């Protein structure tokens, strides 16, 4: 139990940052705060996942070059990679399992 509390405190103080290199060499980023979330609860992991997804969409929108004819494809892969990177960085089993299950549902479509 104390191990879980220690992990939660460590995670609560971690801020997930999404970084991407764009064609201009700058790195747009977004910060997703985990404070106030108990990631042992699926509902809080879902809340964090939604925050990560929103931040990824925002960052990837800023990263897209207006002259890129493959903007939609670029944005989709950027968002997917941003979410993947953030979930890996968070390194929390409930969030990771949620991410995997959502990806499996999308792959089945």
PDB file of N, CA and C in Angstrom:
ATOM      1  N   UNK A   1       0.815  -1.186   0.000  1.00  0.00           N
ATOM      2  CA  UNK A   1       0.000   0.000   0.000  1.00  0.00           C
ATOM      3  C   UNK A   1       0.862   1.253   0.000  1.00  0.00           C
ATOM      4  N   UNK A   2       1.891   1.313   0.879  1.00  0.00           N
ATOM      5  CA  UNK A   2       2.747   2.492   0.930  1.00  0.00           C
ATOM      6  C   UNK A   2       3.518   2.650  -0.370  1.00  0.00           C
ATOM      7  N   UNK A   3       3.802   1.538  -1.043  1.00  0.00           N
ATOM      8  CA  UNK A   3       4.451   1.591  -2.349  1.00  0.00           C
ATOM      9  C   UNK A   3       3.567   2.282  -3.372  1.00  0.00           C
ATOM     10  N   UNK A   4       2.267   1.975  -3.333  1.00  0.00           N
ATOM     11  CA  UNK A   4       1.324   2.615  -4.254  1.00  0.00           C
ATOM     12  C   UNK A   4       1.201   4.096  -3.958  1.00  0.00           C
ATOM     13  N   UNK A   5       1.186   4.469  -2.685  1.00  0.00           N
ATOM     14  CA  UNK A   5       1.094   5.879  -2.316  1.00  0.00           C
ATOM     15  C   UNK A   5       2.342   6.612  -2.770  1.00  0.00           C
ATOM     16  N   UNK A   6       3.502   5.997  -2.585  1.00  0.00           N
ATOM     17  CA  UNK A   6       4.751   6.605  -3.037  1.00  0.00           C
ATOM     18  C   UNK A   6       4.765   6.797  -4.533  1.00  0.00           C
ATOM     19  N   UNK A   7       4.284   5.802  -5.263  1.00  0.00           N
ATOM     20  CA  UNK A   7       4.206   5.903  -6.720  1.00  0.00           C
ATOM     21  C   UNK A   7       3.255   7.005  -7.120  1.00  0.00           C
ATOM     22  N   UNK A   8       2.109   7.094  -6.447  1.00  0.00           N
ATOM     23  CA  UNK A   8       1.138   8.126  -6.772  1.00  0.00           C
ATOM     24  C   UNK A   8       1.720   9.504  -6.500  1.00  0.00           C
ATOM     25  N   UNK A   9       2.379   9.681  -5.364  1.00  0.00           N
ATOM     26  CA  UNK A   9       2.969  10.986  -5.049  1.00  0.00           C
ATOM     27  C   UNK A   9       4.013  11.366  -6.085  1.00  0.00           C
ATOM     28  N   UNK A  10       4.813  10.392  -6.469  1.00  0.00           N
ATOM     29  CA  UNK A  10       5.834  10.652  -7.489  1.00  0.00           C
ATOM     30  C   UNK A  10       5.156  11.054  -8.789  1.00  0.00           C
ATOM     31  N   UNK A  11       4.134  10.324  -9.187  1.00  0.00           N
ATOM     32  CA  UNK A  11       3.442  10.609 -10.432  1.00  0.00           C
ATOM     33  C   UNK A  11       2.688  11.925 -10.344  1.00  0.00           C
ATOM     34  N   UNK A  12       2.112  12.217  -9.190  1.00  0.00           N
ATOM     35  CA  UNK A  12       1.351  13.455  -9.030  1.00  0.00           C
ATOM     36  C   UNK A  12       2.247  14.666  -9.206  1.00  0.00           C
ATOM     37  N   UNK A  13       3.508  14.522  -8.886  1.00  0.00           N
ATOM     38  CA  UNK A  13       4.409  15.649  -9.036  1.00  0.00           C
ATOM     39  C   UNK A  13       5.024  15.710 -10.432  1.00  0.00           C
ATOM     40  N   UNK A  14       4.809  14.686 -11.212  1.00  0.00           N
ATOM     41  CA  UNK A  14       5.334  14.649 -12.571  1.00  0.00           C
ATOM     42  C   UNK A  14       4.382  15.388 -13.498  1.00  0.00           C
ATOM     43  N   UNK A  15       4.926  16.144 -14.368  1.00  0.00           N
ATOM     44  CA  UNK A  15       4.123  16.801 -15.382  1.00  0.00           C
ATOM     45  C   UNK A  15       4.542  16.210 -16.710  1.00  0.00           C
ATOM     46  N   UNK A  16       3.568  15.716 -17.434  1.00  0.00           N
ATOM     47  CA  UNK A  16       3.858  15.081 -18.712  1.00  0.00           C
ATOM     48  C   UNK A  16       3.987  16.168 -19.768  1.00  0.00           C
ATOM     49  N   UNK A  17       5.071  16.168 -20.472  1.00  0.00           N
ATOM     50  CA  UNK A  17       5.303  17.175 -21.499  1.00  0.00           C
ATOM     51  C   UNK A  17       5.402  16.475 -22.843  1.00  0.00           C
ATOM     52  N   UNK A  18       4.652  16.989 -23.800  1.00  0.00           N
ATOM     53  CA  UNK A  18       4.691  16.450 -25.149  1.00  0.00           C
ATOM     54  C   UNK A  18       5.583  17.345 -25.998  1.00  0.00           C
ATOM     55  N   UNK A  19       6.610  16.774 -26.573  1.00  0.00           N
ATOM     56  CA  UNK A  19       7.546  17.530 -27.389  1.00  0.00           C
ATOM     57  C   UNK A  19       7.665  16.890 -28.768  1.00  0.00           C
ATOM     58  N   UNK A  20       7.744  17.725 -29.759  1.00  0.00           N
ATOM     59  CA  UNK A  20       7.887  17.232 -31.125  1.00  0.00           C
ATOM     60  C   UNK A  20       8.816  18.140 -31.894  1.00  0.00           C
ATOM     61  N   UNK A  21       9.606  17.563 -32.741  1.00  0.00           N
ATOM     62  CA  UNK A  21      10.443  18.369 -33.622  1.00  0.00           C
ATOM     63  C   UNK A  21       9.648  18.655 -34.881  1.00  0.00           C
ATOM     64  N   UNK A  22       9.576  19.905 -35.251  1.00  0.00           N
ATOM     65  CA  UNK A  22       8.889  20.225 -36.499  1.00  0.00           C
ATOM     66  C   UNK A  22       9.910  20.586 -37.555  1.00  0.00           C
ATOM     67  N   UNK A  23       9.444  20.937 -38.727  1.00  0.00           N
ATOM     68  CA  UNK A  23      10.348  21.187 -39.839  1.00  0.00           C
ATOM     69  C   UNK A  23      11.218  22.403 -39.615  1.00  0.00           C
ATOM     70  N   UNK A  24      10.784  23.364 -38.809  1.00  0.00           N
ATOM     71  CA  UNK A  24      11.570  24.568 -38.558  1.00  0.00           C
ATOM     72  C   UNK A  24      12.608  24.351 -37.461  1.00  0.00           C
ATOM     73  N   UNK A  25      12.584  23.198 -36.826  1.00  0.00           N
ATOM     74  CA  UNK A  25      13.553  22.901 -35.783  1.00  0.00           C
ATOM     75  C   UNK A  25      13.074  23.291 -34.390  1.00  0.00           C
ATOM     76  N   UNK A  26      11.997  24.021 -34.284  1.00  0.00           N
ATOM     77  CA  UNK A  26      11.444  24.369 -32.975  1.00  0.00           C
ATOM     78  C   UNK A  26      10.683  23.165 -32.439  1.00  0.00           C
ATOM     79  N   UNK A  27      10.466  23.135 -31.149  1.00  0.00           N
ATOM     80  CA  UNK A  27       9.753  22.017 -30.548  1.00  0.00           C
ATOM     81  C   UNK A  27       8.507  22.511 -29.827  1.00  0.00           C
ATOM     82  N   UNK A  28       7.354  22.448 -30.486  1.00  0.00           N
ATOM     83  CA  UNK A  28       6.127  22.808 -29.767  1.00  0.00           C
ATOM     84  C   UNK A  28       5.888  21.808 -28.655  1.00  0.00           C
ATOM     85  N   UNK A  29       5.286  22.245 -27.587  1.00  0.00           N
ATOM     86  CA  UNK A  29       5.050  21.341 -26.468  1.00  0.00           C
ATOM     87  C   UNK A  29       3.769  21.728 -25.752  1.00  0.00           C
ATOM     88  N   UNK A  30       3.286  20.811 -24.944  1.00  0.00           N
ATOM     89  CA  UNK A  30       2.124  21.048 -24.092  1.00  0.00           C
ATOM     90  C   UNK A  30       2.386  20.344 -22.774  1.00  0.00           C
ATOM     91  N   UNK A  31       1.874  20.902 -21.724  1.00  0.00           N
ATOM     92  CA  UNK A  31       2.031  20.309 -20.404  1.00  0.00           C
ATOM     93  C   UNK A  31       0.697  19.746 -19.951  1.00  0.00           C
ATOM     94  N   UNK A  32       0.727  18.521 -19.467  1.00  0.00           N
ATOM     95  CA  UNK A  32      -0.474  17.864 -18.958  1.00  0.00           C
ATOM     96  C   UNK A  32      -0.229  17.576 -17.484  1.00  0.00           C
ATOM     97  N   UNK A  33      -1.004  18.219 -16.638  1.00  0.00           N
ATOM     98  CA  UNK A  33      -0.817  18.107 -15.199  1.00  0.00           C
ATOM     99  C   UNK A  33      -1.563  16.884 -14.663  1.00  0.00           C
ATOM    100  N   UNK A  34      -0.899  16.115 -13.816  1.00  0.00           N
ATOM    101  CA  UNK A  34      -1.510  14.922 -13.234  1.00  0.00           C
ATOM    102  C   UNK A  34      -1.966  15.141 -11.796  1.00  0.00           C
ATOM    103  N   UNK A  35      -1.698  16.334 -11.260  1.00  0.00           N
ATOM    104  CA  UNK A  35      -2.100  16.580  -9.864  1.00  0.00           C
ATOM    105  C   UNK A  35      -3.607  16.427  -9.706  1.00  0.00           C
ATOM    106  N   UNK A  36      -3.995  15.862  -8.588  1.00  0.00           N
ATOM    107  CA  UNK A  36      -5.408  15.672  -8.292  1.00  0.00           C
ATOM    108  C   UNK A  36      -5.987  14.388  -8.855  1.00  0.00           C
ATOM    109  N   UNK A  37      -5.192  13.624  -9.565  1.00  0.00           N
ATOM    110  CA  UNK A  37      -5.671  12.376 -10.144  1.00  0.00           C
ATOM    111  C   UNK A  37      -5.074  11.187  -9.407  1.00  0.00           C
ATOM    112  N   UNK A  38      -5.900  10.222  -9.114  1.00  0.00           N
ATOM    113  CA  UNK A  38      -5.456   8.960  -8.523  1.00  0.00           C
ATOM    114  C   UNK A  38      -5.462   7.941  -9.654  1.00  0.00           C
ATOM    115  N   UNK A  39      -4.302   7.710 -10.219  1.00  0.00           N
ATOM    116  CA  UNK A  39      -4.226   6.859 -11.407  1.00  0.00           C
ATOM    117  C   UNK A  39      -4.416   5.380 -11.116  1.00  0.00           C
ATOM    118  N   UNK A  40      -4.661   5.038  -9.875  1.00  0.00           N
ATOM    119  CA  UNK A  40      -5.058   3.670  -9.567  1.00  0.00           C
ATOM    120  C   UNK A  40      -6.530   3.479  -9.932  1.00  0.00           C
ATOM    121  N   UNK A  41      -7.241   4.579 -10.097  1.00  0.00           N
ATOM    122  CA  UNK A  41      -8.660   4.544 -10.483  1.00  0.00           C
ATOM    123  C   UNK A  41      -8.765   4.690 -11.998  1.00  0.00           C
ATOM    124  N   UNK A  42      -9.513   3.818 -12.612  1.00  0.00           N
ATOM    125  CA  UNK A  42      -9.683   3.835 -14.062  1.00  0.00           C
ATOM    126  C   UNK A  42     -10.277   5.171 -14.518  1.00  0.00           C
ATOM    127  N   UNK A  43     -11.234   5.694 -13.777  1.00  0.00           N
ATOM    128  CA  UNK A  43     -11.873   6.955 -14.179  1.00  0.00           C
ATOM    129  C   UNK A  43     -10.874   8.109 -14.213  1.00  0.00           C
ATOM    130  N   UNK A  44      -9.934   8.145 -13.274  1.00  0.00           N
ATOM    131  CA  UNK A  44      -8.918   9.191 -13.285  1.00  0.00           C
ATOM    132  C   UNK A  44      -7.904   8.968 -14.408  1.00  0.00           C
ATOM    133  N   UNK A  45      -7.594   7.702 -14.689  1.00  0.00           N
ATOM    134  CA  UNK A  45      -6.710   7.398 -15.819  1.00  0.00           C
ATOM    135  C   UNK A  45      -7.377   7.828 -17.128  1.00  0.00           C
ATOM    136  N   UNK A  46      -8.683   7.635 -17.236  1.00  0.00           N
ATOM    137  CA  UNK A  46      -9.419   8.083 -18.421  1.00  0.00           C
ATOM    138  C   UNK A  46      -9.383   9.604 -18.545  1.00  0.00           C
ATOM    139  N   UNK A  47      -9.503  10.294 -17.416  1.00  0.00           N
ATOM    140  CA  UNK A  47      -9.413  11.759 -17.416  1.00  0.00           C
ATOM    141  C   UNK A  47      -8.043  12.204 -17.897  1.00  0.00           C
ATOM    142  N   UNK A  48      -6.989  11.577 -17.383  1.00  0.00           N
ATOM    143  CA  UNK A  48      -5.638  11.922 -17.816  1.00  0.00           C
ATOM    144  C   UNK A  48      -5.453  11.617 -19.293  1.00  0.00           C
ATOM    145  N   UNK A  49      -5.960  10.499 -19.739  1.00  0.00           N
ATOM    146  CA  UNK A  49      -5.826  10.120 -21.147  1.00  0.00           C
ATOM    147  C   UNK A  49      -6.500  11.163 -22.042  1.00  0.00           C
ATOM    148  N   UNK A  50      -7.660  11.633 -21.632  1.00  0.00           N
ATOM    149  CA  UNK A  50      -8.356  12.670 -22.395  1.00  0.00           C
ATOM    150  C   UNK A  50      -7.542  13.956 -22.422  1.00  0.00           C
ATOM    151  N   UNK A  51      -6.918  14.306 -21.308  1.00  0.00           N
ATOM    152  CA  UNK A  51      -6.061  15.499 -21.259  1.00  0.00           C
ATOM    153  C   UNK A  51      -4.861  15.344 -22.189  1.00  0.00           C
ATOM    154  N   UNK A  52      -4.261  14.161 -22.168  1.00  0.00           N
ATOM    155  CA  UNK A  52      -3.106  13.896 -23.039  1.00  0.00           C
ATOM    156  C   UNK A  52      -3.524  14.014 -24.502  1.00  0.00           C
ATOM    157  N   UNK A  53      -4.650  13.434 -24.840  1.00  0.00           N
ATOM    158  CA  UNK A  53      -5.135  13.468 -26.224  1.00  0.00           C
ATOM    159  C   UNK A  53      -5.409  14.910 -26.678  1.00  0.00           C
ATOM    160  N   UNK A  54      -6.045  15.688 -25.835  1.00  0.00           N
ATOM    161  CA  UNK A  54      -6.332  17.084 -26.157  1.00  0.00           C
ATOM    162  C   UNK A  54      -5.038  17.867 -26.373  1.00  0.00           C
ATOM    163  N   UNK A  55      -4.070  17.649 -25.493  1.00  0.00           N
ATOM    164  CA  UNK A  55      -2.780  18.333 -25.624  1.00  0.00           C
ATOM    165  C   UNK A  55      -2.059  17.895 -26.899  1.00  0.00           C
ATOM    166  N   UNK A  56      -2.125  16.607 -27.213  1.00  0.00           N
ATOM    167  CA  UNK A  56      -1.473  16.096 -28.418  1.00  0.00           C
ATOM    168  C   UNK A  56      -2.092  16.705 -29.673  1.00  0.00           C
ATOM    169  N   UNK A  57      -3.406  16.804 -29.704  1.00  0.00           N
ATOM    170  CA  UNK A  57      -4.083  17.411 -30.855  1.00  0.00           C
ATOM    171  C   UNK A  57      -3.648  18.863 -31.013  1.00  0.00           C
ATOM    172  N   UNK A  58      -3.581  19.574 -29.909  1.00  0.00           N
ATOM    173  CA  UNK A  58      -3.181  20.979 -29.938  1.00  0.00           C
ATOM    174  C   UNK A  58      -1.747  21.144 -30.439  1.00  0.00           C
ATOM    175  N   UNK A  59      -0.838  20.342 -29.900  1.00  0.00           N
ATOM    176  CA  UNK A  59       0.566  20.426 -30.297  1.00  0.00           C
ATOM    177  C   UNK A  59       0.739  20.040 -31.763  1.00  0.00           C
ATOM    178  N   UNK A  60       0.058  18.996 -32.177  1.00  0.00           N
ATOM    179  CA  UNK A  60       0.205  18.529 -33.555  1.00  0.00           C
ATOM    180  C   UNK A  60      -0.423  19.491 -34.549  1.00  0.00           C
ATOM    181  N   UNK A  61      -1.445  20.202 -34.142  1.00  0.00           N
ATOM    182  CA  UNK A  61      -2.040  21.229 -35.003  1.00  0.00           C
ATOM    183  C   UNK A  61      -1.016  22.340 -35.232  1.00  0.00           C
ATOM    184  N   UNK A  62      -0.309  22.727 -34.178  1.00  0.00           N
ATOM    185  CA  UNK A  62       0.710  23.776 -34.279  1.00  0.00           C
ATOM    186  C   UNK A  62       1.908  23.309 -35.092  1.00  0.00           C
ATOM    187  N   UNK A  63       2.143  22.009 -35.076  1.00  0.00           N
ATOM    188  CA  UNK A  63       3.312  21.439 -35.747  1.00  0.00           C
ATOM    189  C   UNK A  63       3.115  21.264 -37.252  1.00  0.00           C
ATOM    190  N   UNK A  64       1.881  21.245 -37.722  1.00  0.00           N
ATOM    191  CA  UNK A  64       1.614  20.971 -39.136  1.00  0.00           C
ATOM    192  C   UNK A  64       1.977  22.173 -40.002  1.00  0.00           C
ATOM    193  N   UNK A  65       2.661  21.906 -41.061  1.00  0.00           N
ATOM    194  CA  UNK A  65       3.018  22.953 -42.020  1.00  0.00           C
ATOM    195  C   UNK A  65       1.835  23.193 -42.957  1.00  0.00           C
ATOM    196  N   UNK A  66       1.433  24.455 -43.147  1.00  0.00           N
ATOM    197  CA  UNK A  66       0.254  24.731 -43.966  1.00  0.00           C
ATOM    198  C   UNK A  66       0.417  24.297 -45.429  1.00  0.00           C
ATOM    199  N   UNK A  67       1.625  24.159 -45.892  1.00  0.00           N
ATOM    200  CA  UNK A  67       1.852  23.769 -47.286  1.00  0.00           C
ATOM    201  C   UNK A  67       1.959  22.253 -47.451  1.00  0.00           C
ATOM    202  N   UNK A  68       1.854  21.519 -46.362  1.00  0.00           N
ATOM    203  CA  UNK A  68       1.978  20.067 -46.403  1.00  0.00           C
ATOM    204  C   UNK A  68       0.693  19.448 -46.959  1.00  0.00           C
ATOM    205  N   UNK A  69       0.808  18.825 -48.104  1.00  0.00           N
ATOM    206  CA  UNK A  69      -0.344  18.185 -48.734  1.00  0.00           C
ATOM    207  C   UNK A  69      -0.852  16.970 -47.977  1.00  0.00           C
ATOM    208  N   UNK A  70      -0.052  16.461 -47.091  1.00  0.00           N
ATOM    209  CA  UNK A  70      -0.441  15.288 -46.303  1.00  0.00           C
ATOM    210  C   UNK A  70      -0.739  15.695 -44.856  1.00  0.00           C
ATOM    211  N   UNK A  71      -1.316  16.875 -44.667  1.00  0.00           N
ATOM    212  CA  UNK A  71      -1.577  17.397 -43.337  1.00  0.00           C
ATOM    213  C   UNK A  71      -2.382  16.449 -42.455  1.00  0.00           C
ATOM    214  N   UNK A  72      -3.446  15.897 -43.006  1.00  0.00           N
ATOM    215  CA  UNK A  72      -4.307  15.023 -42.209  1.00  0.00           C
ATOM    216  C   UNK A  72      -3.542  13.787 -41.754  1.00  0.00           C
ATOM    217  N   UNK A  73      -2.815  13.177 -42.677  1.00  0.00           N
ATOM    218  CA  UNK A  73      -2.021  11.993 -42.333  1.00  0.00           C
ATOM    219  C   UNK A  73      -0.937  12.357 -41.312  1.00  0.00           C
ATOM    220  N   UNK A  74      -0.286  13.497 -41.514  1.00  0.00           N
ATOM    221  CA  UNK A  74       0.756  13.949 -40.591  1.00  0.00           C
ATOM    222  C   UNK A  74       0.172  14.175 -39.200  1.00  0.00           C
ATOM    223  N   UNK A  75      -0.958  14.851 -39.127  1.00  0.00           N
ATOM    224  CA  UNK A  75      -1.574  15.166 -37.840  1.00  0.00           C
ATOM    225  C   UNK A  75      -1.985  13.893 -37.112  1.00  0.00           C
ATOM    226  N   UNK A  76      -2.583  12.959 -37.846  1.00  0.00           N
ATOM    227  CA  UNK A  76      -3.023  11.704 -37.227  1.00  0.00           C
ATOM    228  C   UNK A  76      -1.833  10.940 -36.637  1.00  0.00           C
ATOM    229  N   UNK A  77      -0.767  10.801 -37.422  1.00  0.00           N
ATOM    230  CA  UNK A  77       0.391  10.061 -36.909  1.00  0.00           C
ATOM    231  C   UNK A  77       1.083  10.832 -35.789  1.00  0.00           C
ATOM    232  N   UNK A  78       1.086  12.149 -35.872  1.00  0.00           N
ATOM    233  CA  UNK A  78       1.666  12.975 -34.820  1.00  0.00           C
ATOM    234  C   UNK A  78       0.903  12.783 -33.511  1.00  0.00           C
ATOM    235  N   UNK A  79      -0.422  12.825 -33.578  1.00  0.00           N
ATOM    236  CA  UNK A  79      -1.251  12.655 -32.378  1.00  0.00           C
ATOM    237  C   UNK A  79      -1.041  11.265 -31.791  1.00  0.00           C
ATOM    238  N   UNK A  80      -1.052  10.246 -32.630  1.00  0.00           N
ATOM    239  CA  UNK A  80      -0.847   8.880 -32.138  1.00  0.00           C
ATOM    240  C   UNK A  80       0.503   8.736 -31.447  1.00  0.00           C
ATOM    241  N   UNK A  81       1.544   9.299 -32.056  1.00  0.00           N
ATOM    242  CA  UNK A  81       2.885   9.197 -31.477  1.00  0.00           C
ATOM    243  C   UNK A  81       2.992  10.011 -30.191  1.00  0.00           C
ATOM    244  N   UNK A  82       2.361  11.170 -30.163  1.00  0.00           N
ATOM    245  CA  UNK A  82       2.397  12.012 -28.965  1.00  0.00           C
ATOM    246  C   UNK A  82       1.734  11.310 -27.788  1.00  0.00           C
ATOM    247  N   UNK A  83       0.597  10.699 -28.042  1.00  0.00           N
ATOM    248  CA  UNK A  83      -0.104   9.973 -26.988  1.00  0.00           C
ATOM    249  C   UNK A  83       0.749   8.802 -26.512  1.00  0.00           C
ATOM    250  N   UNK A  84       1.288   8.041 -27.448  1.00  0.00           N
ATOM    251  CA  UNK A  84       2.154   6.903 -27.114  1.00  0.00           C
ATOM    252  C   UNK A  84       3.325   7.354 -26.237  1.00  0.00           C
ATOM    253  N   UNK A  85       4.003   8.426 -26.654  1.00  0.00           N
ATOM    254  CA  UNK A  85       5.154   8.928 -25.902  1.00  0.00           C
ATOM    255  C   UNK A  85       4.763   9.373 -24.497  1.00  0.00           C
ATOM    256  N   UNK A  86       3.622  10.050 -24.375  1.00  0.00           N
ATOM    257  CA  UNK A  86       3.175  10.526 -23.063  1.00  0.00           C
ATOM    258  C   UNK A  86       2.812   9.366 -22.149  1.00  0.00           C
ATOM    259  N   UNK A  87       2.167   8.356 -22.696  1.00  0.00           N
ATOM    260  CA  UNK A  87       1.784   7.185 -21.895  1.00  0.00           C
ATOM    261  C   UNK A  87       3.037   6.447 -21.430  1.00  0.00           C
ATOM    262  N   UNK A  88       3.990   6.293 -22.308  1.00  0.00           N
ATOM    263  CA  UNK A  88       5.251   5.636 -21.937  1.00  0.00           C
ATOM    264  C   UNK A  88       5.966   6.451 -20.859  1.00  0.00           C
ATOM    265  N   UNK A  89       5.997   7.755 -21.041  1.00  0.00           N
ATOM    266  CA  UNK A  89       6.665   8.624 -20.071  1.00  0.00           C
ATOM    267  C   UNK A  89       5.977   8.564 -18.704  1.00  0.00           C
ATOM    268  N   UNK A  90       4.648   8.502 -18.696  1.00  0.00           N
ATOM    269  CA  UNK A  90       3.912   8.420 -17.428  1.00  0.00           C
ATOM    270  C   UNK A  90       4.235   7.123 -16.701  1.00  0.00           C
ATOM    271  N   UNK A  91       4.412   6.045 -17.472  1.00  0.00           N
ATOM    272  CA  UNK A  91       4.821   4.756 -16.914  1.00  0.00           C
ATOM    273  C   UNK A  91       3.913   4.317 -15.765  1.00  0.00           C
ATOM    274  N   UNK A  92       2.610   4.286 -16.037  1.00  0.00           N
ATOM    275  CA  UNK A  92       1.655   3.854 -15.022  1.00  0.00           C
ATOM    276  C   UNK A  92       0.785   2.751 -15.617  1.00  0.00           C
ATOM    277  N   UNK A  93       0.678   1.599 -14.951  1.00  0.00           N
ATOM    278  CA  UNK A  93      -0.006   0.432 -15.521  1.00  0.00           C
ATOM    279  C   UNK A  93      -1.459   0.671 -15.933  1.00  0.00           C
ATOM    280  N   UNK A  94      -2.229   1.386 -15.142  1.00  0.00           N
ATOM    281  CA  UNK A  94      -3.643   1.594 -15.476  1.00  0.00           C
ATOM    282  C   UNK A  94      -3.759   2.437 -16.745  1.00  0.00           C
ATOM    283  N   UNK A  95      -2.942   3.477 -16.840  1.00  0.00           N
ATOM    284  CA  UNK A  95      -2.947   4.332 -18.034  1.00  0.00           C
ATOM    285  C   UNK A  95      -2.466   3.551 -19.254  1.00  0.00           C
ATOM    286  N   UNK A  96      -1.432   2.762 -19.082  1.00  0.00           N
ATOM    287  CA  UNK A  96      -0.898   1.953 -20.184  1.00  0.00           C
ATOM    288  C   UNK A  96      -1.940   0.942 -20.672  1.00  0.00           C
ATOM    289  N   UNK A  97      -2.611   0.271 -19.750  1.00  0.00           N
ATOM    290  CA  UNK A  97      -3.652  -0.695 -20.139  1.00  0.00           C
ATOM    291  C   UNK A  97      -4.809  -0.012 -20.855  1.00  0.00           C
ATOM    292  N   UNK A  98      -5.197   1.167 -20.390  1.00  0.00           N
ATOM    293  CA  UNK A  98      -6.251   1.932 -21.052  1.00  0.00           C
ATOM    294  C   UNK A  98      -5.835   2.271 -22.475  1.00  0.00           C
ATOM    295  N   UNK A  99      -4.618   2.744 -22.630  1.00  0.00           N
ATOM    296  CA  UNK A  99      -4.093   3.101 -23.953  1.00  0.00           C
ATOM    297  C   UNK A  99      -4.093   1.884 -24.882  1.00  0.00           C
ATOM    298  N   UNK A 100      -3.627   0.770 -24.392  1.00  0.00           N
ATOM    299  CA  UNK A 100      -3.590  -0.451 -25.209  1.00  0.00           C
ATOM    300  C   UNK A 100      -5.000  -0.894 -25.616  1.00  0.00           C
ATOM    301  N   UNK A 101      -5.931  -0.849 -24.667  1.00  0.00           N
ATOM    302  CA  UNK A 101      -7.289  -1.295 -24.986  1.00  0.00           C
ATOM    303  C   UNK A 101      -7.947  -0.361 -25.997  1.00  0.00           C
ATOM    304  N   UNK A 102      -7.714   0.931 -25.892  1.00  0.00           N
ATOM    305  CA  UNK A 102      -8.276   1.874 -26.870  1.00  0.00           C
ATOM    306  C   UNK A 102      -7.666   1.659 -28.250  1.00  0.00           C
ATOM    307  N   UNK A 103      -6.376   1.388 -28.295  1.00  0.00           N
ATOM    308  CA  UNK A 103      -5.712   1.124 -29.582  1.00  0.00           C
ATOM    309  C   UNK A 103      -6.206  -0.173 -30.211  1.00  0.00           C
ATOM    310  N   UNK A 104      -6.481  -1.179 -29.387  1.00  0.00           N
ATOM    311  CA  UNK A 104      -6.989  -2.441 -29.913  1.00  0.00           C
ATOM    312  C   UNK A 104      -8.373  -2.253 -30.514  1.00  0.00           C
ATOM    313  N   UNK A 105      -9.216  -1.440 -29.872  1.00  0.00           N
ATOM    314  CA  UNK A 105     -10.558  -1.165 -30.410  1.00  0.00           C
ATOM    315  C   UNK A 105     -10.484  -0.458 -31.748  1.00  0.00           C
ATOM    316  N   UNK A 106      -9.573   0.496 -31.851  1.00  0.00           N
ATOM    317  CA  UNK A 106      -9.411   1.237 -33.113  1.00  0.00           C
ATOM    318  C   UNK A 106      -8.906   0.297 -34.203  1.00  0.00           C
ATOM    319  N   UNK A 107      -7.987  -0.587 -33.858  1.00  0.00           N
ATOM    320  CA  UNK A 107      -7.423  -1.516 -34.839  1.00  0.00           C
ATOM    321  C   UNK A 107      -8.467  -2.509 -35.336  1.00  0.00           C
ATOM    322  N   UNK A 108      -9.460  -2.828 -34.515  1.00  0.00           N
ATOM    323  CA  UNK A 108     -10.495  -3.773 -34.904  1.00  0.00           C
ATOM    324  C   UNK A 108     -11.497  -3.174 -35.898  1.00  0.00           C
ATOM    325  N   UNK A 109     -11.565  -1.882 -35.981  1.00  0.00           N
ATOM    326  CA  UNK A 109     -12.544  -1.232 -36.875  1.00  0.00           C
ATOM    327  C   UNK A 109     -12.236  -1.442 -38.313  1.00  0.00           C
TER     328      UNK A 109
END
